[in-house]
PDB file of N, CA and C in Angstrom:
ATOM      1  N   MET A   1       0.840  -1.178   0.000  1.00  0.00           N
ATOM      2  CA  MET A   1       0.000   0.000   0.000  1.00  0.00           C
ATOM      3  C   MET A   1       0.882   1.237   0.000  1.00  0.00           C
ATOM      4  N   LEU A   2       0.535   2.217  -0.829  1.00  0.00           N
ATOM      5  CA  LEU A   2       1.283   3.456  -0.903  1.00  0.00           C
ATOM      6  C   LEU A   2       0.632   4.475   0.016  1.00  0.00           C
ATOM      7  N   ILE A   3       1.449   5.182   0.792  1.00  0.00           N
ATOM      8  CA  ILE A   3       0.930   6.091   1.801  1.00  0.00           C
ATOM      9  C   ILE A   3       1.507   7.477   1.588  1.00  0.00           C
ATOM     10  N   MET A   4       0.656   8.513   1.631  1.00  0.00           N
ATOM     11  CA  MET A   4       1.133   9.885   1.538  1.00  0.00           C
ATOM     12  C   MET A   4       1.961  10.207   2.773  1.00  0.00           C
ATOM     13  N   VAL A   5       3.045  10.932   2.569  1.00  0.00           N
ATOM     14  CA  VAL A   5       3.888  11.322   3.689  1.00  0.00           C
ATOM     15  C   VAL A   5       3.684  12.795   3.994  1.00  0.00           C
ATOM     16  N   SER A   6       4.120  13.210   5.176  1.00  0.00           N
ATOM     17  CA  SER A   6       3.941  14.587   5.610  1.00  0.00           C
ATOM     18  C   SER A   6       4.866  15.532   4.852  1.00  0.00           C
ATOM     19  N   LYS A   7       4.791  16.801   5.162  1.00  0.00           N
ATOM     20  CA  LYS A   7       5.628  17.851   4.589  1.00  0.00           C
ATOM     21  C   LYS A   7       5.307  18.105   3.122  1.00  0.00           C
ATOM     22  N   GLY A   8       4.095  17.845   2.687  1.00  0.00           N
ATOM     23  CA  GLY A   8       3.696  18.177   1.329  1.00  0.00           C
ATOM     24  C   GLY A   8       4.371  17.365   0.248  1.00  0.00           C
ATOM     25  N   GLY A   9       4.720  16.140   0.538  1.00  0.00           N
ATOM     26  CA  GLY A   9       5.381  15.326  -0.466  1.00  0.00           C
ATOM     27  C   GLY A   9       4.807  13.938  -0.553  1.00  0.00           C
ATOM     28  N   PHE A  10       5.358  13.189  -1.489  1.00  0.00           N
ATOM     29  CA  PHE A  10       4.943  11.810  -1.708  1.00  0.00           C
ATOM     30  C   PHE A  10       6.184  10.944  -1.819  1.00  0.00           C
ATOM     31  N   ARG A  11       5.981   9.655  -1.749  1.00  0.00           N
ATOM     32  CA  ARG A  11       7.089   8.714  -1.890  1.00  0.00           C
ATOM     33  C   ARG A  11       7.187   8.240  -3.334  1.00  0.00           C
ATOM     34  N   VAL A  12       8.414   8.120  -3.786  1.00  0.00           N
ATOM     35  CA  VAL A  12       8.699   7.545  -5.096  1.00  0.00           C
ATOM     36  C   VAL A  12       9.581   6.333  -4.869  1.00  0.00           C
ATOM     37  N   LYS A  13       9.149   5.217  -5.413  1.00  0.00           N
ATOM     38  CA  LYS A  13       9.899   3.959  -5.313  1.00  0.00           C
ATOM     39  C   LYS A  13      10.352   3.578  -6.706  1.00  0.00           C
ATOM     40  N   LEU A  14      11.638   3.322  -6.844  1.00  0.00           N
ATOM     41  CA  LEU A  14      12.185   2.826  -8.093  1.00  0.00           C
ATOM     42  C   LEU A  14      12.040   1.318  -8.068  1.00  0.00           C
ATOM     43  N   PHE A  15      11.262   0.760  -9.007  1.00  0.00           N
ATOM     44  CA  PHE A  15      10.986  -0.670  -9.035  1.00  0.00           C
ATOM     45  C   PHE A  15      12.299  -1.442  -9.009  1.00  0.00           C
ATOM     46  N   GLY A  16      12.451  -2.314  -8.018  1.00  0.00           N
ATOM     47  CA  GLY A  16      13.667  -3.094  -7.883  1.00  0.00           C
ATOM     48  C   GLY A  16      14.839  -2.309  -7.331  1.00  0.00           C
ATOM     49  N   GLY A  17      14.582  -1.081  -6.884  1.00  0.00           N
ATOM     50  CA  GLY A  17      15.657  -0.217  -6.410  1.00  0.00           C
ATOM     51  C   GLY A  17      15.667  -0.057  -4.902  1.00  0.00           C
ATOM     52  N   PRO A  18      16.305   1.019  -4.443  1.00  0.00           N
ATOM     53  CA  PRO A  18      16.424   1.269  -3.004  1.00  0.00           C
ATOM     54  C   PRO A  18      15.079   1.635  -2.379  1.00  0.00           C
ATOM     55  N   ALA A  19      15.103   1.923  -1.102  1.00  0.00           N
ATOM     56  CA  ALA A  19      13.889   2.311  -0.373  1.00  0.00           C
ATOM     57  C   ALA A  19      13.261   3.547  -1.017  1.00  0.00           C
ATOM     58  N   PRO A  20      11.955   3.730  -0.846  1.00  0.00           N
ATOM     59  CA  PRO A  20      11.293   4.913  -1.409  1.00  0.00           C
ATOM     60  C   PRO A  20      11.936   6.208  -0.917  1.00  0.00           C
ATOM     61  N   ILE A  21      11.874   7.242  -1.756  1.00  0.00           N
ATOM     62  CA  ILE A  21      12.391   8.552  -1.378  1.00  0.00           C
ATOM     63  C   ILE A  21      11.250   9.553  -1.351  1.00  0.00           C
ATOM     64  N   LEU A  22      11.428  10.613  -0.589  1.00  0.00           N
ATOM     65  CA  LEU A  22      10.440  11.682  -0.531  1.00  0.00           C
ATOM     66  C   LEU A  22      10.650  12.620  -1.702  1.00  0.00           C
ATOM     67  N   VAL A  23       9.561  12.920  -2.408  1.00  0.00           N
ATOM     68  CA  VAL A  23       9.578  13.911  -3.476  1.00  0.00           C
ATOM     69  C   VAL A  23       8.647  15.025  -3.038  1.00  0.00           C
ATOM     70  N   HIS A  24       9.163  16.240  -2.995  1.00  0.00           N
ATOM     71  CA  HIS A  24       8.355  17.381  -2.593  1.00  0.00           C
ATOM     72  C   HIS A  24       7.296  17.663  -3.656  1.00  0.00           C
ATOM     73  N   SER A  25       6.219  18.299  -3.270  1.00  0.00           N
ATOM     74  CA  SER A  25       5.049  18.443  -4.137  1.00  0.00           C
ATOM     75  C   SER A  25       5.336  19.124  -5.472  1.00  0.00           C
ATOM     76  N   LYS A  26       6.289  20.030  -5.557  1.00  0.00           N
ATOM     77  CA  LYS A  26       6.562  20.717  -6.824  1.00  0.00           C
ATOM     78  C   LYS A  26       7.863  20.262  -7.478  1.00  0.00           C
ATOM     79  N   GLU A  27       8.449  19.203  -6.957  1.00  0.00           N
ATOM     80  CA  GLU A  27       9.741  18.717  -7.438  1.00  0.00           C
ATOM     81  C   GLU A  27       9.553  17.662  -8.530  1.00  0.00           C
ATOM     82  N   PHE A  28      10.414  17.702  -9.532  1.00  0.00           N
ATOM     83  CA  PHE A  28      10.394  16.668 -10.558  1.00  0.00           C
ATOM     84  C   PHE A  28      10.979  15.377  -9.992  1.00  0.00           C
ATOM     85  N   ILE A  29      10.491  14.239 -10.473  1.00  0.00           N
ATOM     86  CA  ILE A  29      10.990  12.945 -10.006  1.00  0.00           C
ATOM     87  C   ILE A  29      12.495  12.841 -10.212  1.00  0.00           C
ATOM     88  N   LEU A  30      12.985  13.209 -11.389  1.00  0.00           N
ATOM     89  CA  LEU A  30      14.418  13.105 -11.659  1.00  0.00           C
ATOM     90  C   LEU A  30      15.229  13.936 -10.670  1.00  0.00           C
ATOM     91  N   ALA A  31      14.797  15.149 -10.395  1.00  0.00           N
ATOM     92  CA  ALA A  31      15.520  16.012  -9.452  1.00  0.00           C
ATOM     93  C   ALA A  31      15.611  15.360  -8.078  1.00  0.00           C
ATOM     94  N   ALA A  32      14.535  14.732  -7.643  1.00  0.00           N
ATOM     95  CA  ALA A  32      14.535  14.064  -6.337  1.00  0.00           C
ATOM     96  C   ALA A  32      15.487  12.872  -6.330  1.00  0.00           C
ATOM     97  N   LEU A  33      15.497  12.098  -7.410  1.00  0.00           N
ATOM     98  CA  LEU A  33      16.409  10.953  -7.499  1.00  0.00           C
ATOM     99  C   LEU A  33      17.865  11.411  -7.459  1.00  0.00           C
ATOM    100  N   LEU A  34      18.176  12.449  -8.213  1.00  0.00           N
ATOM    101  CA  LEU A  34      19.545  12.946  -8.252  1.00  0.00           C
ATOM    102  C   LEU A  34      19.948  13.569  -6.919  1.00  0.00           C
ATOM    103  N   ARG A  35      19.009  14.242  -6.269  1.00  0.00           N
ATOM    104  CA  ARG A  35      19.278  14.837  -4.951  1.00  0.00           C
ATOM    105  C   ARG A  35      19.705  13.765  -3.957  1.00  0.00           C
ATOM    106  N   ARG A  36      19.155  12.577  -4.096  1.00  0.00           N
ATOM    107  CA  ARG A  36      19.483  11.451  -3.205  1.00  0.00           C
ATOM    108  C   ARG A  36      20.605  10.568  -3.762  1.00  0.00           C
ATOM    109  N   ASN A  37      21.255  11.035  -4.826  1.00  0.00           N
ATOM    110  CA  ASN A  37      22.364  10.304  -5.463  1.00  0.00           C
ATOM    111  C   ASN A  37      21.967   8.912  -5.942  1.00  0.00           C
ATOM    112  N   ILE A  38      20.732   8.792  -6.406  1.00  0.00           N
ATOM    113  CA  ILE A  38      20.257   7.532  -6.977  1.00  0.00           C
ATOM    114  C   ILE A  38      20.538   7.563  -8.476  1.00  0.00           C
ATOM    115  N   LYS A  39      21.245   6.563  -8.962  1.00  0.00           N
ATOM    116  CA  LYS A  39      21.602   6.511 -10.380  1.00  0.00           C
ATOM    117  C   LYS A  39      20.349   6.339 -11.234  1.00  0.00           C
ATOM    118  N   PHE A  40      20.228   7.213 -12.233  1.00  0.00           N
ATOM    119  CA  PHE A  40      19.089   7.165 -13.138  1.00  0.00           C
ATOM    120  C   PHE A  40      19.526   7.830 -14.439  1.00  0.00           C
ATOM    121  N   PRO A  41      19.181   7.257 -15.586  1.00  0.00           N
ATOM    122  CA  PRO A  41      19.613   7.840 -16.862  1.00  0.00           C
ATOM    123  C   PRO A  41      18.956   9.196 -17.119  1.00  0.00           C
ATOM    124  N   TYR A  42      19.765  10.152 -17.568  1.00  0.00           N
ATOM    125  CA  TYR A  42      19.243  11.462 -17.947  1.00  0.00           C
ATOM    126  C   TYR A  42      20.259  12.163 -18.826  1.00  0.00           C
ATOM    127  N   ALA A  43      19.819  13.222 -19.499  1.00  0.00           N
ATOM    128  CA  ALA A  43      20.728  14.042 -20.296  1.00  0.00           C
ATOM    129  C   ALA A  43      20.276  15.498 -20.243  1.00  0.00           C
ATOM    130  N   CYS A  44      19.226  15.869 -20.968  1.00  0.00           N
ATOM    131  CA  CYS A  44      18.861  17.282 -21.117  1.00  0.00           C
ATOM    132  C   CYS A  44      18.158  17.889 -19.900  1.00  0.00           C
ATOM    133  N   GLN A  45      17.389  17.111 -19.178  1.00  0.00           N
ATOM    134  CA  GLN A  45      16.567  17.550 -18.043  1.00  0.00           C
ATOM    135  C   GLN A  45      15.486  18.557 -18.442  1.00  0.00           C
ATOM    136  N   ASN A  46      15.157  18.630 -19.736  1.00  0.00           N
ATOM    137  CA  ASN A  46      14.160  19.582 -20.222  1.00  0.00           C
ATOM    138  C   ASN A  46      13.051  18.942 -21.048  1.00  0.00           C
ATOM    139  N   GLY A  47      12.948  17.625 -21.051  1.00  0.00           N
ATOM    140  CA  GLY A  47      11.889  16.968 -21.800  1.00  0.00           C
ATOM    141  C   GLY A  47      12.100  16.941 -23.295  1.00  0.00           C
ATOM    142  N   VAL A  48      13.347  16.982 -23.728  1.00  0.00           N
ATOM    143  CA  VAL A  48      13.639  17.015 -25.156  1.00  0.00           C
ATOM    144  C   VAL A  48      14.263  15.717 -25.658  1.00  0.00           C
ATOM    145  N   CYS A  49      15.134  15.095 -24.864  1.00  0.00           N
ATOM    146  CA  CYS A  49      15.915  13.957 -25.371  1.00  0.00           C
ATOM    147  C   CYS A  49      15.262  12.588 -25.153  1.00  0.00           C
ATOM    148  N   GLY A  50      14.480  12.420 -24.097  1.00  0.00           N
ATOM    149  CA  GLY A  50      13.844  11.137 -23.816  1.00  0.00           C
ATOM    150  C   GLY A  50      14.710  10.153 -23.052  1.00  0.00           C
ATOM    151  N   THR A  51      15.907  10.546 -22.652  1.00  0.00           N
ATOM    152  CA  THR A  51      16.813   9.634 -21.950  1.00  0.00           C
ATOM    153  C   THR A  51      16.238   9.157 -20.621  1.00  0.00           C
ATOM    154  N   CYS A  52      15.464  10.002 -19.944  1.00  0.00           N
ATOM    155  CA  CYS A  52      14.914   9.653 -18.625  1.00  0.00           C
ATOM    156  C   CYS A  52      13.537   8.992 -18.716  1.00  0.00           C
ATOM    157  N   LYS A  53      13.164   8.555 -19.911  1.00  0.00           N
ATOM    158  CA  LYS A  53      11.871   7.893 -20.097  1.00  0.00           C
ATOM    159  C   LYS A  53      11.805   6.658 -19.206  1.00  0.00           C
ATOM    160  N   CYS A  54      10.692   6.495 -18.518  1.00  0.00           N
ATOM    161  CA  CYS A  54      10.540   5.363 -17.606  1.00  0.00           C
ATOM    162  C   CYS A  54       9.076   4.938 -17.564  1.00  0.00           C
ATOM    163  N   GLN A  55       8.841   3.792 -16.962  1.00  0.00           N
ATOM    164  CA  GLN A  55       7.495   3.228 -16.852  1.00  0.00           C
ATOM    165  C   GLN A  55       6.867   3.665 -15.536  1.00  0.00           C
ATOM    166  N   LEU A  56       5.676   4.226 -15.596  1.00  0.00           N
ATOM    167  CA  LEU A  56       4.913   4.517 -14.388  1.00  0.00           C
ATOM    168  C   LEU A  56       4.182   3.232 -14.024  1.00  0.00           C
ATOM    169  N   VAL A  57       4.656   2.558 -12.993  1.00  0.00           N
ATOM    170  CA  VAL A  57       4.107   1.267 -12.583  1.00  0.00           C
ATOM    171  C   VAL A  57       2.849   1.457 -11.746  1.00  0.00           C
ATOM    172  N   ALA A  58       2.863   2.454 -10.867  1.00  0.00           N
ATOM    173  CA  ALA A  58       1.718   2.740  -9.998  1.00  0.00           C
ATOM    174  C   ALA A  58       1.750   4.205  -9.605  1.00  0.00           C
ATOM    175  N   GLY A  59       0.571   4.760  -9.342  1.00  0.00           N
ATOM    176  CA  GLY A  59       0.478   6.139  -8.887  1.00  0.00           C
ATOM    177  C   GLY A  59       0.114   7.099 -10.002  1.00  0.00           C
ATOM    178  N   GLU A  60       0.097   8.392  -9.650  1.00  0.00           N
ATOM    179  CA  GLU A  60      -0.294   9.431 -10.596  1.00  0.00           C
ATOM    180  C   GLU A  60       0.754  10.526 -10.648  1.00  0.00           C
ATOM    181  N   VAL A  61       0.998  11.017 -11.867  1.00  0.00           N
ATOM    182  CA  VAL A  61       1.901  12.145 -12.074  1.00  0.00           C
ATOM    183  C   VAL A  61       1.255  13.118 -13.047  1.00  0.00           C
ATOM    184  N   VAL A  62       1.787  14.325 -13.084  1.00  0.00           N
ATOM    185  CA  VAL A  62       1.445  15.293 -14.112  1.00  0.00           C
ATOM    186  C   VAL A  62       2.754  15.659 -14.795  1.00  0.00           C
ATOM    187  N   LEU A  63       2.713  15.764 -16.126  1.00  0.00           N
ATOM    188  CA  LEU A  63       3.919  16.090 -16.880  1.00  0.00           C
ATOM    189  C   LEU A  63       3.893  17.546 -17.304  1.00  0.00           C
ATOM    190  N   ASP A  64       4.972  18.274 -17.012  1.00  0.00           N
ATOM    191  CA  ASP A  64       5.146  19.616 -17.554  1.00  0.00           C
ATOM    192  C   ASP A  64       5.447  19.469 -19.042  1.00  0.00           C
ATOM    193  N   SER A  65       5.515  20.579 -19.757  1.00  0.00           N
ATOM    194  CA  SER A  65       5.696  20.537 -21.205  1.00  0.00           C
ATOM    195  C   SER A  65       6.956  19.764 -21.598  1.00  0.00           C
ATOM    196  N   TYR A  66       6.859  19.070 -22.729  1.00  0.00           N
ATOM    197  CA  TYR A  66       7.958  18.253 -23.247  1.00  0.00           C
ATOM    198  C   TYR A  66       7.786  18.100 -24.747  1.00  0.00           C
ATOM    199  N   SER A  67       8.830  17.651 -25.413  1.00  0.00           N
ATOM    200  CA  SER A  67       8.811  17.426 -26.848  1.00  0.00           C
ATOM    201  C   SER A  67       8.199  16.061 -27.152  1.00  0.00           C
ATOM    202  N   GLU A  68       7.318  16.017 -28.145  1.00  0.00           N
ATOM    203  CA  GLU A  68       6.726  14.731 -28.510  1.00  0.00           C
ATOM    204  C   GLU A  68       7.758  13.791 -29.127  1.00  0.00           C
ATOM    205  N   SER A  69       8.890  14.313 -29.542  1.00  0.00           N
ATOM    206  CA  SER A  69       9.952  13.417 -30.015  1.00  0.00           C
ATOM    207  C   SER A  69      10.589  12.668 -28.840  1.00  0.00           C
ATOM    208  N   ALA A  70      10.460  13.213 -27.629  1.00  0.00           N
ATOM    209  CA  ALA A  70      10.986  12.550 -26.432  1.00  0.00           C
ATOM    210  C   ALA A  70       9.994  11.535 -25.873  1.00  0.00           C
ATOM    211  N   LEU A  71       8.711  11.825 -26.015  1.00  0.00           N
ATOM    212  CA  LEU A  71       7.653  10.941 -25.501  1.00  0.00           C
ATOM    213  C   LEU A  71       6.420  11.129 -26.374  1.00  0.00           C
ATOM    214  N   THR A  72       6.077  10.104 -27.130  1.00  0.00           N
ATOM    215  CA  THR A  72       4.917  10.201 -28.016  1.00  0.00           C
ATOM    216  C   THR A  72       3.623  10.020 -27.228  1.00  0.00           C
ATOM    217  N   ALA A  73       2.530  10.436 -27.824  1.00  0.00           N
ATOM    218  CA  ALA A  73       1.223  10.255 -27.192  1.00  0.00           C
ATOM    219  C   ALA A  73       0.957   8.770 -26.950  1.00  0.00           C
ATOM    220  N   TYR A  74       1.350   7.924 -27.889  1.00  0.00           N
ATOM    221  CA  TYR A  74       1.164   6.483 -27.728  1.00  0.00           C
ATOM    222  C   TYR A  74       1.954   5.960 -26.532  1.00  0.00           C
ATOM    223  N   GLU A  75       3.207   6.382 -26.401  1.00  0.00           N
ATOM    224  CA  GLU A  75       4.029   5.944 -25.268  1.00  0.00           C
ATOM    225  C   GLU A  75       3.405   6.380 -23.944  1.00  0.00           C
ATOM    226  N   TYR A  76       2.908   7.614 -23.911  1.00  0.00           N
ATOM    227  CA  TYR A  76       2.260   8.117 -22.698  1.00  0.00           C
ATOM    228  C   TYR A  76       1.037   7.264 -22.350  1.00  0.00           C
ATOM    229  N   GLU A  77       0.243   6.918 -23.369  1.00  0.00           N
ATOM    230  CA  GLU A  77      -0.934   6.067 -23.149  1.00  0.00           C
ATOM    231  C   GLU A  77      -0.535   4.682 -22.640  1.00  0.00           C
ATOM    232  N   GLN A  78       0.675   4.239 -22.969  1.00  0.00           N
ATOM    233  CA  GLN A  78       1.175   2.942 -22.515  1.00  0.00           C
ATOM    234  C   GLN A  78       1.810   3.016 -21.126  1.00  0.00           C
ATOM    235  N   GLY A  79       1.765   4.192 -20.503  1.00  0.00           N
ATOM    236  CA  GLY A  79       2.264   4.344 -19.140  1.00  0.00           C
ATOM    237  C   GLY A  79       3.692   4.824 -19.020  1.00  0.00           C
ATOM    238  N   LEU A  80       4.264   5.291 -20.121  1.00  0.00           N
ATOM    239  CA  LEU A  80       5.617   5.832 -20.049  1.00  0.00           C
ATOM    240  C   LEU A  80       5.564   7.313 -19.686  1.00  0.00           C
ATOM    241  N   ILE A  81       6.569   7.766 -18.950  1.00  0.00           N
ATOM    242  CA  ILE A  81       6.666   9.170 -18.548  1.00  0.00           C
ATOM    243  C   ILE A  81       8.120   9.613 -18.677  1.00  0.00           C
ATOM    244  N   LEU A  82       8.341  10.911 -18.589  1.00  0.00           N
ATOM    245  CA  LEU A  82       9.689  11.470 -18.527  1.00  0.00           C
ATOM    246  C   LEU A  82       9.939  11.902 -17.090  1.00  0.00           C
ATOM    247  N   ALA A  83      10.920  11.297 -16.446  1.00  0.00           N
ATOM    248  CA  ALA A  83      11.196  11.613 -15.041  1.00  0.00           C
ATOM    249  C   ALA A  83      11.585  13.077 -14.854  1.00  0.00           C
ATOM    250  N   CYS A  84      12.181  13.686 -15.877  1.00  0.00           N
ATOM    251  CA  CYS A  84      12.606  15.080 -15.758  1.00  0.00           C
ATOM    252  C   CYS A  84      11.439  16.058 -15.821  1.00  0.00           C
ATOM    253  N   ARG A  85      10.277  15.613 -16.301  1.00  0.00           N
ATOM    254  CA  ARG A  85       9.113  16.502 -16.446  1.00  0.00           C
ATOM    255  C   ARG A  85       7.935  16.054 -15.586  1.00  0.00           C
ATOM    256  N   ALA A  86       8.097  14.982 -14.812  1.00  0.00           N
ATOM    257  CA  ALA A  86       6.995  14.409 -14.027  1.00  0.00           C
ATOM    258  C   ALA A  86       7.008  14.922 -12.593  1.00  0.00           C
ATOM    259  N   ARG A  87       5.857  15.456 -12.184  1.00  0.00           N
ATOM    260  CA  ARG A  87       5.629  15.863 -10.798  1.00  0.00           C
ATOM    261  C   ARG A  87       4.580  14.908 -10.234  1.00  0.00           C
ATOM    262  N   VAL A  88       4.808  14.441  -9.021  1.00  0.00           N
ATOM    263  CA  VAL A  88       3.932  13.416  -8.455  1.00  0.00           C
ATOM    264  C   VAL A  88       2.657  14.012  -7.869  1.00  0.00           C
ATOM    265  N   LEU A  89       1.562  13.277  -8.040  1.00  0.00           N
ATOM    266  CA  LEU A  89       0.268  13.626  -7.452  1.00  0.00           C
ATOM    267  C   LEU A  89      -0.128  12.626  -6.381  1.00  0.00           C
ATOM    268  N   SER A  90       0.657  11.559  -6.261  1.00  0.00           N
ATOM    269  CA  SER A  90       0.422  10.506  -5.273  1.00  0.00           C
ATOM    270  C   SER A  90       1.751   9.780  -5.085  1.00  0.00           C
ATOM    271  N   ASP A  91       1.782   8.826  -4.183  1.00  0.00           N
ATOM    272  CA  ASP A  91       2.948   7.954  -4.109  1.00  0.00           C
ATOM    273  C   ASP A  91       3.032   7.194  -5.433  1.00  0.00           C
ATOM    274  N   VAL A  92       4.239   6.992  -5.936  1.00  0.00           N
ATOM    275  CA  VAL A  92       4.397   6.323  -7.226  1.00  0.00           C
ATOM    276  C   VAL A  92       5.494   5.267  -7.174  1.00  0.00           C
ATOM    277  N   ILE A  93       5.395   4.346  -8.105  1.00  0.00           N
ATOM    278  CA  ILE A  93       6.452   3.372  -8.375  1.00  0.00           C
ATOM    279  C   ILE A  93       6.810   3.542  -9.842  1.00  0.00           C
ATOM    280  N   ILE A  94       8.105   3.683 -10.130  1.00  0.00           N
ATOM    281  CA  ILE A  94       8.556   3.808 -11.513  1.00  0.00           C
ATOM    282  C   ILE A  94       9.567   2.713 -11.819  1.00  0.00           C
ATOM    283  N   GLY A  95       9.617   2.330 -13.072  1.00  0.00           N
ATOM    284  CA  GLY A  95      10.584   1.338 -13.530  1.00  0.00           C
ATOM    285  C   GLY A  95      11.460   1.928 -14.612  1.00  0.00           C
ATOM    286  N   LYS A  96      12.756   1.669 -14.547  1.00  0.00           N
ATOM    287  CA  LYS A  96      13.690   2.135 -15.573  1.00  0.00           C
ATOM    288  C   LYS A  96      13.485   1.338 -16.849  1.00  0.00           C
ATOM    289  N   LEU A  97      13.746   1.986 -17.976  1.00  0.00           N
ATOM    290  CA  LEU A  97      13.764   1.304 -19.266  1.00  0.00           C
ATOM    291  C   LEU A  97      15.211   1.009 -19.614  1.00  0.00           C
ATOM    292  N   GLU A  98      15.439  -0.042 -20.373  1.00  0.00           N
ATOM    293  CA  GLU A  98      16.791  -0.343 -20.841  1.00  0.00           C
ATOM    294  C   GLU A  98      17.093   0.578 -22.011  1.00  0.00           C
ATOM    295  N   LEU A  99      18.220   1.268 -21.934  1.00  0.00           N
ATOM    296  CA  LEU A  99      18.600   2.212 -22.981  1.00  0.00           C
ATOM    297  C   LEU A  99      19.838   1.724 -23.714  1.00  0.00           C
ATOM    298  N   ASP A 100      19.900   2.026 -25.001  1.00  0.00           N
ATOM    299  CA  ASP A 100      21.072   1.691 -25.796  1.00  0.00           C
ATOM    300  C   ASP A 100      22.055   2.850 -25.869  1.00  0.00           C
ATOM    301  N   SER A 101      21.636   4.028 -25.423  1.00  0.00           N
ATOM    302  CA  SER A 101      22.453   5.232 -25.546  1.00  0.00           C
ATOM    303  C   SER A 101      23.641   5.212 -24.596  1.00  0.00           C
ATOM    304  N   ASP A 102      24.811   5.542 -25.129  1.00  0.00           N
ATOM    305  CA  ASP A 102      25.998   5.674 -24.295  1.00  0.00           C
ATOM    306  C   ASP A 102      26.126   7.087 -23.752  1.00  0.00           C
ATOM    307  N   SER A 103      25.228   7.993 -24.164  1.00  0.00           N
ATOM    308  CA  SER A 103      25.347   9.390 -23.775  1.00  0.00           C
ATOM    309  C   SER A 103      24.624   9.716 -22.480  1.00  0.00           C
ATOM    310  N   ALA A 104      23.944   8.763 -21.888  1.00  0.00           N
ATOM    311  CA  ALA A 104      23.186   9.044 -20.665  1.00  0.00           C
ATOM    312  C   ALA A 104      24.121   9.303 -19.495  1.00  0.00           C
ATOM    313  N   HIS A 105      23.812  10.359 -18.765  1.00  0.00           N
ATOM    314  CA  HIS A 105      24.551  10.673 -17.544  1.00  0.00           C
ATOM    315  C   HIS A 105      23.940   9.886 -16.404  1.00  0.00           C
ATOM    316  N   ARG A 106      24.724   9.642 -15.377  1.00  0.00           N
ATOM    317  CA  ARG A 106      24.216   8.970 -14.196  1.00  0.00           C
ATOM    318  C   ARG A 106      24.793   9.668 -12.982  1.00  0.00           C
ATOM    319  N   ALA A 107      23.923   9.969 -12.029  1.00  0.00           N
ATOM    320  CA  ALA A 107      24.385  10.622 -10.804  1.00  0.00           C
ATOM    321  C   ALA A 107      25.408   9.744 -10.115  1.00  0.00           C
ATOM    322  N   GLY A 108      26.464  10.350  -9.637  1.00  0.00           N
ATOM    323  CA  GLY A 108      27.469   9.612  -8.901  1.00  0.00           C
ATOM    324  C   GLY A 108      28.562   9.003  -9.762  1.00  0.00           C
ATOM    325  N   ASP A 109      28.416   9.035 -11.088  1.00  0.00           N
ATOM    326  CA  ASP A 109      29.466   8.479 -11.961  1.00  0.00           C
ATOM    327  C   ASP A 109      30.499   9.541 -12.269  1.00  0.00           C
TER     328      ASP A 109
END
């Protein structure tokens, strides 16, 4: 069961990853992951490249503006989101996608 936490935030759990982390109500998922030094693929942080594309396994998010070349309407309908543009509306679980790109940055590397 996912539970809302105090201080105006929610928990984000990386499927198969470490313990859930607190994401503040106006914070992007990617920013929260990087703040906690959790490795996650990213590059532009502006919703243009699609490197941080991930699966929303459970919960609700809202996406700020992004390029459809980074995330198509079909992908969004299939439950994919951009961690750099996603703000949580509830506790969420996300899953990483396997990427072929060698250009992805990772926190802590």
